[in-house]
N, C-alpha and C. Protein backbone atom coordinates (compact mmCIF):
# COMPACT_ATOMS: atom_id res chain seq x y z
N MET A 1 155.27 67.80 155.04
CA MET A 1 156.00 66.99 154.10
C MET A 1 155.69 67.50 152.70
N PRO A 2 156.72 67.67 151.89
CA PRO A 2 156.50 68.23 150.55
C PRO A 2 155.75 67.26 149.63
N ASP A 3 155.04 67.83 148.66
CA ASP A 3 154.31 67.00 147.69
C ASP A 3 155.24 66.25 146.76
N GLU A 4 156.35 66.89 146.39
CA GLU A 4 157.28 66.22 145.48
C GLU A 4 158.15 65.24 146.27
N ILE A 5 158.57 64.20 145.60
CA ILE A 5 159.44 63.21 146.24
C ILE A 5 160.82 63.84 146.41
N PRO A 6 161.34 63.87 147.63
CA PRO A 6 162.62 64.54 147.86
C PRO A 6 163.79 63.80 147.20
N TRP A 7 164.87 64.53 147.02
CA TRP A 7 166.04 63.98 146.35
C TRP A 7 166.63 62.79 147.09
N TRP A 8 166.43 62.72 148.40
CA TRP A 8 167.05 61.64 149.18
C TRP A 8 166.30 60.32 149.07
N VAL A 9 165.13 60.30 148.43
CA VAL A 9 164.44 59.03 148.17
C VAL A 9 164.89 58.58 146.79
N ARG A 10 166.11 58.08 146.73
CA ARG A 10 166.72 57.73 145.45
C ARG A 10 166.17 56.44 144.86
N SER A 11 165.93 55.47 145.70
CA SER A 11 165.50 54.17 145.21
C SER A 11 164.02 54.20 144.82
N PRO A 12 163.70 53.80 143.60
CA PRO A 12 162.29 53.74 143.20
C PRO A 12 161.47 52.81 144.09
N ASP A 13 162.13 51.80 144.70
CA ASP A 13 161.42 50.88 145.59
C ASP A 13 160.89 51.58 146.83
N LEU A 14 161.51 52.69 147.23
CA LEU A 14 161.10 53.40 148.44
C LEU A 14 160.04 54.46 148.17
N ARG A 15 159.80 54.78 146.92
CA ARG A 15 158.84 55.85 146.62
C ARG A 15 157.41 55.53 147.07
N PRO A 16 156.88 54.31 146.89
CA PRO A 16 155.53 54.05 147.42
C PRO A 16 155.45 54.22 148.93
N LEU A 17 156.51 53.84 149.63
CA LEU A 17 156.54 54.02 151.08
C LEU A 17 156.50 55.49 151.43
N TYR A 18 157.29 56.30 150.74
CA TYR A 18 157.30 57.74 151.01
C TYR A 18 155.92 58.35 150.74
N VAL A 19 155.30 57.98 149.64
CA VAL A 19 153.97 58.52 149.30
C VAL A 19 152.96 58.12 150.38
N TRP A 20 153.02 56.88 150.84
CA TRP A 20 152.11 56.40 151.87
C TRP A 20 152.30 57.19 153.17
N ILE A 21 153.56 57.38 153.58
CA ILE A 21 153.83 58.15 154.81
C ILE A 21 153.35 59.59 154.64
N ARG A 22 153.60 60.17 153.49
CA ARG A 22 153.16 61.54 153.23
C ARG A 22 151.62 61.64 153.30
N ASP A 23 150.93 60.66 152.71
CA ASP A 23 149.46 60.65 152.76
C ASP A 23 148.95 60.49 154.19
N LEU A 24 149.58 59.63 154.97
CA LEU A 24 149.18 59.49 156.37
C LEU A 24 149.34 60.81 157.11
N TYR A 25 150.49 61.45 156.90
CA TYR A 25 150.76 62.71 157.60
C TYR A 25 149.77 63.79 157.17
N SER A 26 149.40 63.80 155.91
CA SER A 26 148.43 64.78 155.42
C SER A 26 147.05 64.57 156.02
N ASP A 27 146.77 63.34 156.46
CA ASP A 27 145.49 62.99 157.05
C ASP A 27 145.59 63.07 158.58
N GLY A 28 145.64 64.27 159.09
CA GLY A 28 145.65 64.47 160.54
C GLY A 28 147.01 64.30 161.18
N GLU A 29 148.07 64.50 160.42
CA GLU A 29 149.44 64.40 160.93
C GLU A 29 149.72 63.04 161.57
N ARG A 30 149.11 61.98 160.97
CA ARG A 30 149.36 60.62 161.45
C ARG A 30 150.70 60.14 160.90
N LEU A 31 151.37 59.28 161.65
CA LEU A 31 152.62 58.67 161.22
C LEU A 31 152.54 57.16 161.50
N PRO A 32 153.27 56.37 160.73
CA PRO A 32 153.24 54.92 160.96
C PRO A 32 153.90 54.55 162.28
N THR A 33 153.53 53.41 162.81
CA THR A 33 154.13 52.90 164.03
C THR A 33 154.60 51.47 163.80
N MET A 34 155.43 50.99 164.69
CA MET A 34 155.89 49.61 164.62
C MET A 34 155.14 48.80 165.67
N VAL A 35 154.66 47.66 165.27
CA VAL A 35 153.97 46.76 166.18
C VAL A 35 154.77 45.47 166.25
N VAL A 36 155.11 45.06 167.47
CA VAL A 36 155.82 43.79 167.65
C VAL A 36 154.78 42.69 167.57
N HIS A 37 154.93 41.84 166.58
CA HIS A 37 153.95 40.78 166.34
C HIS A 37 154.28 39.52 167.13
N GLU A 38 155.58 39.26 167.29
CA GLU A 38 155.99 38.03 167.96
C GLU A 38 157.40 38.22 168.51
N TRP A 39 157.64 37.72 169.73
CA TRP A 39 158.99 37.72 170.30
C TRP A 39 159.65 36.41 169.92
N CYS A 40 160.90 36.48 169.47
CA CYS A 40 161.63 35.29 169.04
C CYS A 40 162.97 35.21 169.77
N ALA A 41 163.39 34.00 170.06
CA ALA A 41 164.63 33.79 170.80
C ALA A 41 165.87 33.98 169.95
N THR A 42 165.75 33.77 168.66
CA THR A 42 166.92 33.88 167.79
C THR A 42 166.58 34.74 166.57
N GLN A 43 167.64 35.26 165.96
CA GLN A 43 167.45 36.04 164.73
C GLN A 43 166.89 35.17 163.62
N ALA A 44 167.34 33.93 163.55
CA ALA A 44 166.84 33.02 162.51
C ALA A 44 165.34 32.79 162.68
N ARG A 45 164.89 32.59 163.90
CA ARG A 45 163.46 32.37 164.16
C ARG A 45 162.67 33.65 163.85
N ALA A 46 163.25 34.81 164.15
CA ALA A 46 162.58 36.07 163.85
C ALA A 46 162.39 36.24 162.35
N ARG A 47 163.39 35.83 161.58
CA ARG A 47 163.30 35.92 160.12
C ARG A 47 162.19 35.03 159.58
N VAL A 48 162.10 33.82 160.12
CA VAL A 48 161.04 32.88 159.70
C VAL A 48 159.67 33.45 160.05
N ALA A 49 159.55 34.01 161.27
CA ALA A 49 158.27 34.58 161.69
C ALA A 49 157.90 35.79 160.83
N GLU A 50 158.90 36.62 160.50
CA GLU A 50 158.63 37.78 159.66
C GLU A 50 158.15 37.35 158.27
N ARG A 51 158.82 36.37 157.70
CA ARG A 51 158.42 35.89 156.37
C ARG A 51 157.02 35.28 156.39
N ALA A 52 156.70 34.54 157.44
CA ALA A 52 155.37 33.95 157.56
C ALA A 52 154.30 35.05 157.63
N LEU A 53 154.58 36.12 158.39
CA LEU A 53 153.63 37.22 158.50
C LEU A 53 153.49 37.96 157.18
N ILE A 54 154.61 38.18 156.48
CA ILE A 54 154.56 38.83 155.17
C ILE A 54 153.71 38.00 154.21
N CYS A 55 153.93 36.69 154.20
CA CYS A 55 153.16 35.82 153.30
C CYS A 55 151.67 35.85 153.65
N GLU A 56 151.35 35.89 154.93
CA GLU A 56 149.95 35.96 155.34
C GLU A 56 149.33 37.29 154.90
N CYS A 57 150.05 38.38 155.05
CA CYS A 57 149.55 39.68 154.60
C CYS A 57 149.36 39.71 153.09
N LEU A 58 150.29 39.10 152.36
CA LEU A 58 150.15 39.01 150.90
C LEU A 58 148.93 38.18 150.54
N ARG A 59 148.71 37.08 151.28
CA ARG A 59 147.54 36.22 151.02
C ARG A 59 146.25 37.01 151.19
N GLN A 60 146.23 37.91 152.18
CA GLN A 60 145.05 38.74 152.44
C GLN A 60 145.01 39.98 151.55
N GLN A 61 145.99 40.10 150.67
CA GLN A 61 146.11 41.22 149.74
C GLN A 61 146.18 42.57 150.47
N LEU A 62 146.91 42.58 151.59
CA LEU A 62 147.13 43.82 152.33
C LEU A 62 148.30 44.57 151.69
N PRO A 63 148.28 45.89 151.72
CA PRO A 63 149.37 46.65 151.11
C PRO A 63 150.63 46.57 151.97
N LEU A 64 151.72 46.14 151.38
CA LEU A 64 153.01 46.09 152.05
C LEU A 64 154.00 46.92 151.25
N PHE A 65 154.90 47.59 151.94
CA PHE A 65 155.85 48.45 151.27
C PHE A 65 157.30 48.01 151.45
N ASN A 66 157.52 46.91 152.14
CA ASN A 66 158.89 46.45 152.31
C ASN A 66 159.34 45.66 151.07
N SER A 67 160.62 45.73 150.77
CA SER A 67 161.12 45.10 149.55
C SER A 67 161.03 43.58 149.62
N GLU A 68 161.08 43.01 150.80
CA GLU A 68 160.99 41.56 150.92
C GLU A 68 159.62 41.04 150.49
N ALA A 69 158.59 41.84 150.67
CA ALA A 69 157.25 41.42 150.25
C ALA A 69 157.23 41.13 148.76
N GLY A 70 157.90 41.95 147.97
CA GLY A 70 157.96 41.72 146.53
C GLY A 70 158.69 40.45 146.19
N MET A 71 159.75 40.14 146.94
CA MET A 71 160.51 38.93 146.68
C MET A 71 159.72 37.68 147.07
N LEU A 72 158.87 37.78 148.09
CA LEU A 72 158.17 36.62 148.60
C LEU A 72 156.79 36.41 147.98
N ALA A 73 156.34 37.34 147.19
CA ALA A 73 155.00 37.21 146.60
C ALA A 73 154.88 35.87 145.87
N GLY A 74 153.89 35.09 146.25
CA GLY A 74 153.64 33.82 145.61
C GLY A 74 154.44 32.66 146.18
N ARG A 75 155.31 32.90 147.16
CA ARG A 75 156.10 31.82 147.75
C ARG A 75 155.52 31.45 149.10
N PRO A 76 155.55 30.19 149.46
CA PRO A 76 155.08 29.79 150.78
C PRO A 76 156.07 30.22 151.86
N PRO A 77 155.62 30.44 153.09
CA PRO A 77 156.53 30.84 154.16
C PRO A 77 157.51 29.72 154.49
N LEU A 78 158.70 30.10 154.94
CA LEU A 78 159.69 29.11 155.40
C LEU A 78 159.30 28.68 156.81
N ILE A 79 159.12 27.40 157.01
CA ILE A 79 158.75 26.89 158.34
C ILE A 79 159.71 25.79 158.73
């Protein structure tokens, strides 16, 4: 992966994610994976569960790179 941010990462919001992936790859060719945290019966329930998990990660001050994390910072989860 190149050191410079490629032309196709147009959105500044995606640049931290690209840098993080590049750093992971530089450290032993590691790449991110997806972990299913919870199975939900409906899309609406999945959205609520996702927001609750994002809020919990923000509470623990874990690094998040999704744009929704920025929108939800400081807001309680929808339950």
